[in-house]
Protein backbone atom coordinates (compact mmCIF):
# COMPACT_ATOMS: atom_id res chain seq x y z
CA MET A 1 40.94 80.33 265.05
CA SER A 2 40.48 81.13 268.33
CA LEU A 3 37.36 81.77 270.80
CA ARG A 4 35.87 85.02 269.60
CA LEU A 5 32.54 86.32 271.46
CA TYR A 6 30.28 89.28 270.95
CA ASN A 7 30.97 91.53 274.25
CA THR A 8 27.85 93.71 274.88
CA MET A 9 30.19 96.49 275.96
CA GLY A 10 31.21 98.06 272.65
CA ARG A 11 28.57 95.86 270.55
CA LYS A 12 31.29 94.57 268.94
CA MET A 13 32.94 90.73 268.20
CA GLU A 14 36.47 90.16 270.30
CA GLU A 15 38.85 87.83 270.71
CA PHE A 16 38.46 86.33 274.49
CA ILE A 17 41.63 86.36 276.60
CA PRO A 18 41.25 85.47 279.92
CA ILE A 19 42.87 87.32 282.75
CA HIS A 20 44.78 84.56 283.87
CA GLN A 21 45.93 82.50 281.01
CA GLY A 22 44.50 79.11 280.93
CA LYS A 23 41.66 79.99 283.38
CA VAL A 24 38.12 81.70 282.93
CA GLY A 25 36.03 82.89 286.11
CA PHE A 26 32.35 84.12 285.37
CA TYR A 27 29.14 84.81 286.44
CA GLY A 28 25.81 84.11 285.37
CA CYS A 29 22.51 85.62 287.06
CA GLY A 30 21.15 83.13 288.20
CA PRO A 31 17.07 82.84 289.14
CA THR A 32 14.89 84.68 291.85
CA VAL A 33 13.17 81.84 293.65
CA TYR A 34 9.43 83.02 293.56
CA ASN A 35 7.94 80.90 291.06
CA TYR A 36 8.79 78.02 288.40
CA ALA A 37 11.04 79.42 285.75
CA HIS A 38 9.54 79.64 282.70
CA ILE A 39 11.19 77.94 279.24
CA GLY A 40 11.98 81.54 278.50
CA ASN A 41 14.01 82.01 281.69
CA LEU A 42 15.60 78.27 280.90
CA ARG A 43 16.84 79.72 277.35
CA ALA A 44 19.15 81.83 279.39
CA TYR A 45 20.74 79.16 281.33
CA ILE A 46 21.12 76.77 278.56
CA PHE A 47 23.38 79.67 276.66
CA LEU A 48 25.49 79.52 279.77
CA ASP A 49 25.65 75.62 279.84
CA ILE A 50 26.98 76.06 276.13
CA LEU A 51 29.40 78.74 276.77
CA ASP A 52 30.71 76.70 280.24
CA LYS A 53 31.30 73.19 278.43
CA THR A 54 32.68 75.18 275.26
CA LEU A 55 35.30 76.82 277.58
CA SER A 56 36.03 73.21 279.04
CA TYR A 57 36.17 72.17 275.24
CA LEU A 58 38.65 74.35 274.57
CA GLY A 59 40.89 73.16 277.30
CA TYR A 60 40.08 76.20 279.96
CA ASP A 61 39.90 75.45 283.74
CA ILE A 62 36.73 76.87 284.67
CA THR A 63 35.18 78.63 287.64
CA HIS A 64 31.45 79.28 287.03
CA VAL A 65 29.52 81.26 289.78
CA MET A 66 25.77 81.53 289.99
CA ASN A 67 23.45 83.13 292.40
CA VAL A 68 19.85 82.61 293.92
CA THR A 69 17.71 85.53 295.04
CA ASP A 70 16.14 84.11 297.96
CA ILE A 71 15.95 87.75 299.27
CA GLY A 72 13.16 89.92 297.98
CA HIS A 73 13.59 91.45 294.55
CA LEU A 74 10.65 94.26 293.94
CA SER A 75 8.72 93.74 290.63
CA GLY A 76 10.15 96.89 289.05
CA ASP A 77 14.07 96.61 288.84
CA SER A 78 14.06 100.06 289.38
CA ASP A 79 13.20 99.68 292.94
CA ASP A 80 9.30 100.02 292.56
CA GLY A 81 6.67 97.73 292.53
CA GLU A 82 5.83 95.08 295.38
CA ASP A 83 8.25 92.53 296.84
CA LYS A 84 7.82 89.04 294.68
CA MET A 85 9.04 87.02 297.49
CA VAL A 86 6.81 88.07 300.10
CA LYS A 87 3.57 88.19 297.69
CA THR A 88 4.29 84.80 296.75
CA ALA A 89 5.02 83.63 300.65
CA LYS A 90 1.53 85.39 301.44
CA GLU A 91 -0.60 83.57 298.52
CA ARG A 92 0.85 80.45 299.75
CA GLY A 93 0.57 80.93 303.44
CA GLN A 94 3.87 79.95 303.85
CA SER A 95 7.40 81.76 304.94
CA VAL A 96 9.80 83.50 302.32
CA LEU A 97 12.63 81.17 303.25
CA GLU A 98 9.81 78.09 302.42
CA ILE A 99 9.14 79.23 299.12
CA ALA A 100 12.30 80.09 298.07
CA GLN A 101 13.39 76.91 298.94
CA PHE A 102 10.64 75.02 297.27
CA TYR A 103 11.25 77.04 294.07
CA THR A 104 15.12 76.88 294.19
CA ASP A 105 14.78 72.95 293.87
CA ALA A 106 12.40 73.46 291.32
CA PHE A 107 14.77 75.15 289.68
CA PHE A 108 17.65 73.09 289.77
CA ASN A 109 15.25 70.18 289.03
CA ASP A 110 14.45 71.70 285.34
CA ILE A 111 18.07 72.44 284.56
CA ASP A 112 18.95 69.19 285.59
CA ARG A 113 16.22 67.56 283.01
CA LEU A 114 18.36 70.34 280.48
CA ASN A 115 21.57 68.53 281.08
CA ILE A 116 22.48 71.95 281.89
CA ARG A 117 26.34 71.30 284.36
CA ARG A 118 25.46 72.65 287.70
CA PRO A 119 27.71 75.99 288.36
CA ASP A 120 30.87 75.30 290.23
CA VAL A 121 29.54 77.92 293.04
CA ILE A 122 26.03 78.05 293.99
CA CYS A 123 25.54 80.96 296.29
CA LYS A 124 22.37 82.51 298.12
CA ALA A 125 22.04 85.90 298.73
CA THR A 126 20.52 85.09 302.54
CA GLU A 127 23.82 83.60 302.68
CA HIS A 128 25.71 86.47 301.63
CA VAL A 129 24.51 89.89 303.35
CA GLN A 130 27.80 90.36 305.15
CA ASP A 131 29.50 90.49 302.07
CA MET A 132 27.01 92.97 300.56
CA ILE A 133 27.40 95.26 303.60
CA ASP A 134 31.28 95.26 303.60
CA LEU A 135 31.14 95.97 299.61
CA ILE A 136 28.16 99.11 300.26
CA LYS A 137 30.61 100.06 303.03
CA ARG A 138 33.69 100.73 300.29
CA ILE A 139 30.81 102.12 298.12
CA GLU A 140 30.19 104.73 301.08
CA ALA A 141 33.64 105.29 301.39
CA ASN A 142 34.59 106.29 297.69
CA GLY A 143 31.81 108.94 298.05
CA HIS A 144 29.08 107.44 295.79
CA THR A 145 25.84 107.20 298.41
CA TYR A 146 23.76 109.29 300.30
CA MET A 147 20.60 108.33 303.06
CA SER A 148 17.02 109.54 302.13
CA GLY A 149 13.81 108.85 303.75
CA GLY A 150 15.71 105.92 305.53
CA ASN A 151 17.15 104.57 302.47
CA LEU A 152 20.88 104.13 301.12
CA TYR A 153 20.90 105.56 297.38
CA PHE A 154 23.72 104.92 294.83
CA ASP A 155 24.16 108.50 293.60
CA VAL A 156 24.52 108.08 289.60
CA SER A 157 25.85 111.34 289.36
CA THR A 158 29.08 110.47 291.21
CA PHE A 159 29.96 107.91 288.57
CA PRO A 160 30.48 109.35 284.77
CA ASP A 161 30.48 105.98 283.38
CA TYR A 162 27.25 105.35 284.12
CA GLY A 163 24.96 103.76 281.27
CA LYS A 164 27.63 102.85 279.30
CA LEU A 165 26.75 99.12 278.91
CA ALA A 166 23.49 100.19 277.89
CA CYS A 167 25.15 103.02 275.35
CA LEU A 168 22.73 105.34 277.84
CA ASN A 169 23.58 109.20 278.02
CA LEU A 170 22.76 110.36 281.26
CA ASP A 171 21.94 114.03 280.15
CA ASP A 172 19.69 113.00 277.80
CA LEU A 173 18.35 110.40 280.29
CA LYS A 174 17.58 113.19 282.70
CA ALA A 175 16.01 115.59 280.16
CA GLY A 176 12.98 113.24 279.12
CA ALA A 177 12.95 110.95 282.97
CA ARG A 178 9.44 110.21 284.13
CA ILE A 179 8.86 111.21 287.60
CA ASP A 180 9.81 108.27 289.59
CA ILE A 181 7.71 107.09 292.25
CA ASP A 182 10.27 106.95 294.90
CA GLN A 183 10.59 111.11 296.22
CA ASN A 184 13.35 110.04 297.95
CA LYS A 185 15.83 109.69 295.02
CA LYS A 186 18.09 112.63 294.04
CA ASN A 187 17.86 111.36 290.54
CA PRO A 188 15.23 108.75 288.79
CA PHE A 189 18.22 106.63 287.90
CA ASP A 190 19.62 106.48 291.08
CA PHE A 191 18.86 103.31 293.10
CA VAL A 192 19.05 101.69 296.26
CA LEU A 193 22.07 99.59 298.24
CA TRP A 194 20.15 99.16 301.41
CA PHE A 195 16.59 99.52 302.23
CA THR A 196 15.63 100.16 305.74
CA LYS A 197 12.07 99.54 307.50
CA SER A 198 11.10 102.95 306.28
CA LYS A 199 9.98 101.46 302.65
CA PHE A 200 8.79 98.08 303.68
CA GLU A 201 7.64 98.23 307.79
CA ASN A 202 6.77 94.50 307.61
CA GLN A 203 9.42 93.43 305.17
CA ALA A 204 9.88 89.54 306.32
CA LEU A 205 13.97 89.09 306.27
CA ASN A 206 15.84 91.87 307.83
CA TRP A 207 19.44 92.32 308.80
CA ASP A 208 21.06 94.85 311.28
CA SER A 209 23.65 97.36 309.11
CA PRO A 210 25.44 100.69 309.91
CA TRP A 211 22.00 101.99 308.02
CA GLY A 212 19.68 100.53 310.22
CA ARG A 213 17.78 97.05 310.30
CA GLY A 214 16.68 96.36 306.49
CA TYR A 215 17.91 94.03 303.53
CA PRO A 216 20.19 94.96 300.72
CA GLY A 217 18.96 96.12 297.47
CA TRP A 218 18.97 93.14 294.36
CA HIS A 219 21.57 94.95 292.18
CA ILE A 220 24.26 94.61 295.20
CA GLU A 221 23.95 90.82 295.70
CA CYS A 222 25.35 90.05 292.13
CA SER A 223 28.55 92.51 292.85
CA ALA A 224 29.33 91.00 296.30
CA MET A 225 29.13 87.52 295.97
CA SER A 226 31.17 87.66 292.50
CA MET A 227 34.10 89.38 293.93
CA LYS A 228 33.72 86.85 297.06
CA TYR A 229 34.06 83.98 294.53
CA LEU A 230 35.80 85.23 291.43
CA GLY A 231 37.98 88.39 292.54
CA GLU A 232 37.54 92.24 292.08
CA GLN A 233 37.94 91.62 288.09
CA ILE A 234 36.23 89.05 286.17
CA ASP A 235 36.40 87.69 282.44
CA ILE A 236 32.82 86.97 281.77
CA HIS A 237 29.46 88.02 283.15
CA THR A 238 26.23 86.63 281.15
CA GLY A 239 22.56 87.41 281.73
CA GLY A 240 19.60 87.96 279.28
CA ILE A 241 19.21 91.42 276.98
CA ASP A 242 16.46 92.39 279.64
CA HIS A 243 19.07 93.02 282.18
CA ILE A 244 21.28 95.17 280.13
CA PRO A 245 19.68 98.74 281.09
CA ILE A 246 18.91 98.43 284.52
CA HIS A 247 20.39 95.47 286.60
CA HIS A 248 23.55 95.36 284.89
CA THR A 249 24.07 99.12 284.36
CA ASN A 250 23.67 99.07 288.14
CA GLU A 251 25.92 96.26 288.47
CA ILE A 252 28.77 98.13 287.02
CA ALA A 253 28.08 101.41 288.55
CA GLN A 254 28.46 99.60 292.14
CA SER A 255 31.56 97.41 291.32
CA GLU A 256 33.40 100.12 289.65
CA GLY A 257 32.61 102.48 292.16
CA ALA A 258 33.69 100.54 295.12
CA THR A 259 37.40 99.38 293.47
CA GLY A 260 37.95 102.12 291.36
CA LYS A 261 38.78 99.79 288.38
CA LYS A 262 36.97 97.92 285.41
CA TRP A 263 35.11 95.23 286.59
CA VAL A 264 33.85 92.72 283.72
CA ASN A 265 36.29 92.21 280.57
CA TYR A 266 33.18 90.82 278.62
CA TRP A 267 29.74 91.25 278.64
CA LEU A 268 27.36 88.46 277.11
CA HIS A 269 23.75 88.44 277.06
CA ASN A 270 20.79 86.33 275.40
CA GLU A 271 17.85 87.36 273.47
CA PHE A 272 14.51 87.01 274.61
CA LEU A 273 12.40 83.68 273.91
CA VAL A 274 8.90 84.90 272.22
CA ILE A 275 5.86 83.25 272.05
CA ALA A 276 4.28 82.76 268.63
CA LYS A 277 0.50 81.96 268.56
CA ASP A 278 -0.20 78.66 267.18
CA LYS A 279 -3.91 77.92 265.82
CA ASP A 280 -5.86 76.65 268.59
CA SER A 281 -3.28 77.53 270.89
CA LYS A 282 -3.99 79.31 274.64
CA GLU A 283 -0.79 81.23 274.61
CA GLN A 284 -0.92 84.88 274.02
CA GLU A 285 1.60 86.49 271.45
CA GLY A 286 4.65 88.21 272.48
CA LYS A 287 7.34 88.22 275.68
CA MET A 288 6.77 85.53 277.96
CA SER A 289 6.02 86.65 281.10
CA LYS A 290 5.49 85.57 284.76
CA SER A 291 3.89 89.19 285.78
CA SER A 292 1.23 88.59 283.33
CA GLY A 293 0.82 84.68 283.60
CA ASN A 294 1.61 84.41 280.12
CA PHE A 295 4.41 81.57 280.40
CA LEU A 296 5.24 78.04 280.04
CA THR A 297 7.26 75.70 282.03
CA LEU A 298 9.36 72.29 281.29
CA GLN A 299 7.16 70.54 283.12
CA SER A 300 3.83 71.78 280.57
CA LEU A 301 6.25 70.86 277.73
CA ILE A 302 6.95 67.54 278.85
CA ASP A 303 3.09 66.83 279.82
CA LYS A 304 2.34 67.63 276.08
CA GLY A 305 4.76 64.75 275.50
CA TYR A 306 7.94 66.50 274.74
CA ASP A 307 11.05 65.22 276.13
CA PRO A 308 13.04 68.23 277.90
CA LEU A 309 16.17 67.38 275.76
CA ASP A 310 13.45 68.75 272.64
CA TYR A 311 13.67 71.73 273.99
CA ARG A 312 17.18 71.97 274.22
CA PHE A 313 17.40 70.79 270.47
CA PHE A 314 15.02 73.27 269.73
CA LEU A 315 17.25 76.28 271.30
CA LEU A 316 20.33 75.43 269.96
CA GLY A 317 19.00 75.31 266.32
CA ALA A 318 19.03 79.39 267.29
CA HIS A 319 22.33 81.44 267.71
CA TYR A 320 22.11 82.69 271.40
CA ARG A 321 21.69 86.40 270.60
CA SER A 322 19.19 85.79 267.98
CA GLN A 323 15.06 85.89 269.08
CA VAL A 324 13.46 82.98 269.10
CA ALA A 325 9.52 82.66 268.17
CA PHE A 326 8.08 79.29 270.32
CA SER A 327 5.33 77.70 269.05
CA TRP A 328 3.76 74.05 269.29
CA VAL A 329 4.51 73.23 265.35
CA ALA A 330 8.15 74.45 265.98
CA MET A 331 8.35 72.10 269.00
CA ASP A 332 7.17 69.28 266.70
CA GLY A 333 9.38 70.15 264.20
CA ALA A 334 12.47 69.84 267.03
CA LYS A 335 11.09 66.75 268.70
CA ASN A 336 10.98 64.90 264.90
CA ALA A 337 14.46 66.22 264.12
CA ARG A 338 15.76 64.86 267.04
CA LYS A 339 13.90 61.72 266.45
CA ALA A 340 15.40 61.26 262.97
CA LEU A 341 18.96 62.12 264.39
CA LEU A 342 18.83 59.23 266.78
CA GLN A 343 17.50 56.98 264.54
CA ARG A 344 20.38 57.54 262.13
CA LEU A 345 22.63 57.19 265.00
CA ALA A 346 21.29 53.83 266.00
CA LYS A 347 21.94 52.27 262.48
CA ILE A 348 25.49 53.51 263.15
CA ILE A 349 25.49 51.55 266.29
CA ASP A 350 23.93 48.44 264.28
CA GLN A 351 26.77 49.18 262.15
CA ASN A 352 29.47 48.62 264.99
CA GLN A 353 27.93 45.60 266.37
CA GLY A 354 25.43 47.22 268.53
CA LYS A 355 28.23 49.14 270.78
CA LEU A 356 29.19 52.26 271.32
CA PRO A 357 32.59 53.89 270.57
CA ASP A 358 35.80 52.54 272.95
CA SER A 359 36.82 55.82 274.98
CA HIS A 360 40.45 54.75 273.51
CA VAL A 361 39.23 55.71 270.10
CA ALA A 362 41.26 57.44 267.79
CA LEU A 363 39.98 60.45 265.90
CA ASP A 364 42.87 61.18 263.93
CA ASN A 365 41.63 60.28 260.46
CA PRO A 366 42.63 62.86 257.99
CA GLU A 367 38.66 62.34 256.66
CA LEU A 368 37.49 62.77 260.15
CA LEU A 369 39.19 66.03 260.85
CA PRO A 370 37.70 68.49 259.15
CA TYR A 371 34.10 67.70 260.18
CA LEU A 372 35.43 67.96 264.28
CA GLU A 373 37.49 71.37 263.14
CA LYS A 374 34.19 72.63 261.79
CA PHE A 375 32.64 72.11 265.00
CA LYS A 376 35.26 73.70 267.21
CA ALA A 377 35.39 76.56 264.74
CA ALA A 378 31.58 77.04 265.04
CA LEU A 379 31.61 77.13 268.61
CA GLU A 380 34.83 79.64 268.71
CA ASN A 381 32.76 81.90 266.40
CA ASP A 382 30.48 83.59 269.27
CA LEU A 383 29.20 79.65 270.31
CA ALA A 384 27.50 79.09 267.19
CA THR A 385 25.47 75.98 267.94
CA PRO A 386 23.06 75.94 264.50
CA GLN A 387 26.61 75.78 262.41
CA ALA A 388 28.14 73.37 265.05
CA LEU A 389 24.99 70.77 264.87
CA SER A 390 25.48 71.20 261.00
CA ALA A 391 29.03 70.03 261.28
CA LEU A 392 27.88 66.89 263.28
CA GLN A 393 24.56 66.54 261.09
CA THR A 394 27.19 66.00 257.90
CA LEU A 395 29.47 64.07 259.76
CA ILE A 396 26.90 61.12 260.20
CA LYS A 397 25.98 61.18 256.63
CA ASN A 398 29.41 60.28 255.95
CA ASN A 399 29.29 56.70 254.71
CA SER A 400 32.97 56.18 254.12
CA LEU A 401 34.28 56.70 257.83
CA GLN A 402 34.12 54.00 259.96
CA PRO A 403 31.43 53.81 262.58
CA GLN A 404 33.61 53.48 265.01
CA GLU A 405 35.15 56.78 264.19
CA ILE A 406 31.69 58.65 263.63
CA LEU A 407 30.66 57.68 266.93
CA GLY A 408 33.83 58.83 268.66
CA ALA A 409 33.68 61.82 266.77
CA VAL A 410 29.55 62.27 268.08
CA ALA A 411 30.65 61.50 271.63
CA LYS A 412 33.55 64.59 271.53
CA MET A 413 30.88 66.85 269.75
CA ASP A 414 28.10 66.20 272.57
CA LEU A 415 30.27 67.25 275.45
CA VAL A 416 29.10 70.61 274.09
CA LEU A 417 25.77 69.68 272.95
CA SER A 418 24.22 67.62 275.75
CA LEU A 419 21.82 65.77 273.88
CA ASN A 420 22.37 62.41 275.34
CA LEU A 421 23.16 61.61 271.75
CA LEU A 422 24.54 58.07 272.04
CA ASN A 423 22.83 56.93 274.74
CA ASP A 424 19.51 57.37 273.57
CA ALA A 425 20.40 56.30 270.12
CA LEU A 426 21.42 52.80 271.84
CA GLU A 427 18.26 52.39 273.40
CA ILE A 428 16.62 52.85 270.35
CA TYR A 429 18.52 50.43 268.62
CA LYS A 430 17.97 47.76 271.73
CA THR A 431 14.07 48.21 271.57
CA GLN A 432 14.37 48.06 267.65
CA GLN A 433 16.42 44.36 268.14
CA GLN A 434 13.79 43.46 270.41
CA GLN A 435 11.09 44.15 267.75
CA VAL A 436 12.89 42.00 265.69
CA THR A 437 13.26 39.14 267.80
CA SER A 438 9.53 39.46 268.81
CA VAL A 439 8.38 39.47 265.34
CA ASN A 440 10.94 36.58 264.35
CA ASN A 441 9.05 33.51 266.12
CA ASP A 442 11.77 32.03 268.22
CA GLU A 443 9.51 28.90 268.63
CA ASP A 444 10.00 27.91 265.36
CA PRO A 445 12.12 25.11 265.30
CA GLU A 446 14.39 26.47 262.54
CA ALA A 447 14.54 30.19 263.89
CA GLN A 448 18.09 29.98 264.99
CA GLU A 449 18.98 28.88 261.90
CA ILE A 450 17.35 31.38 259.42
CA GLN A 451 18.40 34.56 262.09
CA ALA A 452 21.64 33.29 261.38
CA LEU A 453 21.52 33.65 257.42
CA ILE A 454 19.49 36.80 257.72
CA GLU A 455 22.10 38.06 259.76
CA GLU A 456 24.89 36.86 257.24
CA ARG A 457 22.91 38.64 254.54
CA THR A 458 22.93 41.72 256.59
CA THR A 459 26.83 41.40 256.72
CA CYS A 460 27.27 40.92 252.98
CA LYS A 461 24.72 43.67 252.34
CA LYS A 462 27.07 45.94 254.55
CA ALA A 463 30.25 44.27 252.41
CA LYS A 464 28.60 44.89 249.28
CA ASN A 465 28.55 40.91 248.59
CA PHE A 466 25.05 41.81 246.95
CA GLU A 467 25.44 38.41 245.30
CA ARG A 468 25.69 36.35 248.09
CA ALA A 469 23.21 38.83 249.97
CA ASP A 470 20.56 37.45 246.99
CA GLU A 471 21.39 34.03 247.09
CA ILE A 472 20.50 33.92 251.02
CA ARG A 473 16.90 35.76 250.17
CA ASN A 474 16.49 32.87 247.30
CA GLN A 475 17.26 30.23 249.48
CA LEU A 476 15.21 31.45 252.47
CA LYS A 477 12.36 31.83 249.46
CA GLU A 478 12.84 28.06 248.41
CA ARG A 479 11.65 27.37 251.97
CA GLY A 480 8.45 29.31 252.28
CA ILE A 481 10.02 32.02 253.88
CA VAL A 482 10.43 35.89 253.42
CA ILE A 483 12.44 38.54 254.50
CA GLU A 484 11.23 42.24 254.84
CA ASP A 485 13.62 45.21 255.30
CA THR A 486 12.47 47.34 257.94
CA PRO A 487 13.40 50.49 259.43
CA ASN A 488 13.88 48.39 262.62
CA GLY A 489 15.90 45.72 260.82
CA PRO A 490 15.09 42.64 258.79
CA ILE A 491 12.09 40.24 260.00
CA TRP A 492 10.91 37.38 258.47
CA LYS A 493 7.89 35.09 258.40
CA ARG A 494 6.92 31.87 256.82
CA ILE A 495 4.03 31.74 253.83
């Protein structure tokens, strides 16, 4: 089986065939850094991380590019509303660049805590304005623009395929279009490539350009930066489903309007995370939104006692194209399920004499291979993480496999899942051993001998030599020592 992905362009599953054999270039829409990322935003980056690590797992040489929008992004994708960056800067009494840097740092701190691998290229919009100007010149030279009211617009009527990603019919859109607040547009669906001070007299960041001093439209940055680092044709572009009708639709028009050729081969979009109302919870039901104030940050989950990887585990339990309902009850379920998984792995580590697998452990046991094959097949089936997790869960319940083999396979699976499975399970194992040691009185003059017998009994039980195990228990009982088997290992006390 080969990798198959659901391509939003065409709305169908397709076999993934890269432009250059063995290599993949992909671009993911990054954060607009005017506020903290909420956990709905972070879902997109966990999805991106699974894509990134799946491609690596399958042997591709990847180049992952992500933008950081540190130039003003209007509150409306269609060039309306106020500038989010300026609004936050005024509220905080700081400069736009100070705000941008603060929230950029906060964003990358969040993705680090979620075990999301940082992209190979992280490009700030403010550092690529000349690239945007150069691309706009190409669009203009191809006859796709007009000046109106001091701003440069993309004329969608010059691009017959406009709306193909969102399956929109431009004639139908024109017929039912609302009156746009920007009276400078020929068509309500035209969009700005370059703003001048004619729209925002006191814009914080401005650059000289052939069209006047101003700043680029939001959509142009993704086209310019993806082409700079990945070339004029790229394999994969990702984002949330909310980007489909405007942002990604406009990106396609301006990119293909500049080059005259297909820009992206595979469009992948993740669904929303929505809030499901819990009893006594303060959050409102529905879509998570910064503008409405109805959102939760990763830190708010941590403050409630959750590990960031509890949230990652929660999201991996659903397919990236399925809408996910967040609730505290659901988070409790994910937290408990991850804890149970780690405890089971801690027992396997105990069976492996408290050691993690050797890096060179062989994973060619015919009984082990089906689990790895199911895991790989799940990833190749449009990144089906629920089925991938199921393969792992089934694997660790197989008592006929050697502990070293199970742990080695889990380590390989966790290259994609990135749940810190073995290291966290090892910490649980160590804690359990410390608890056993503290319960068993080391000051007892016979403690060392007793502990040695108990360890022998444990070894006998694992080897199914129950006769000898019972003999040790009875021998100790005759000496007034009772063994209690606990989830953390056997403990003993005198009676």
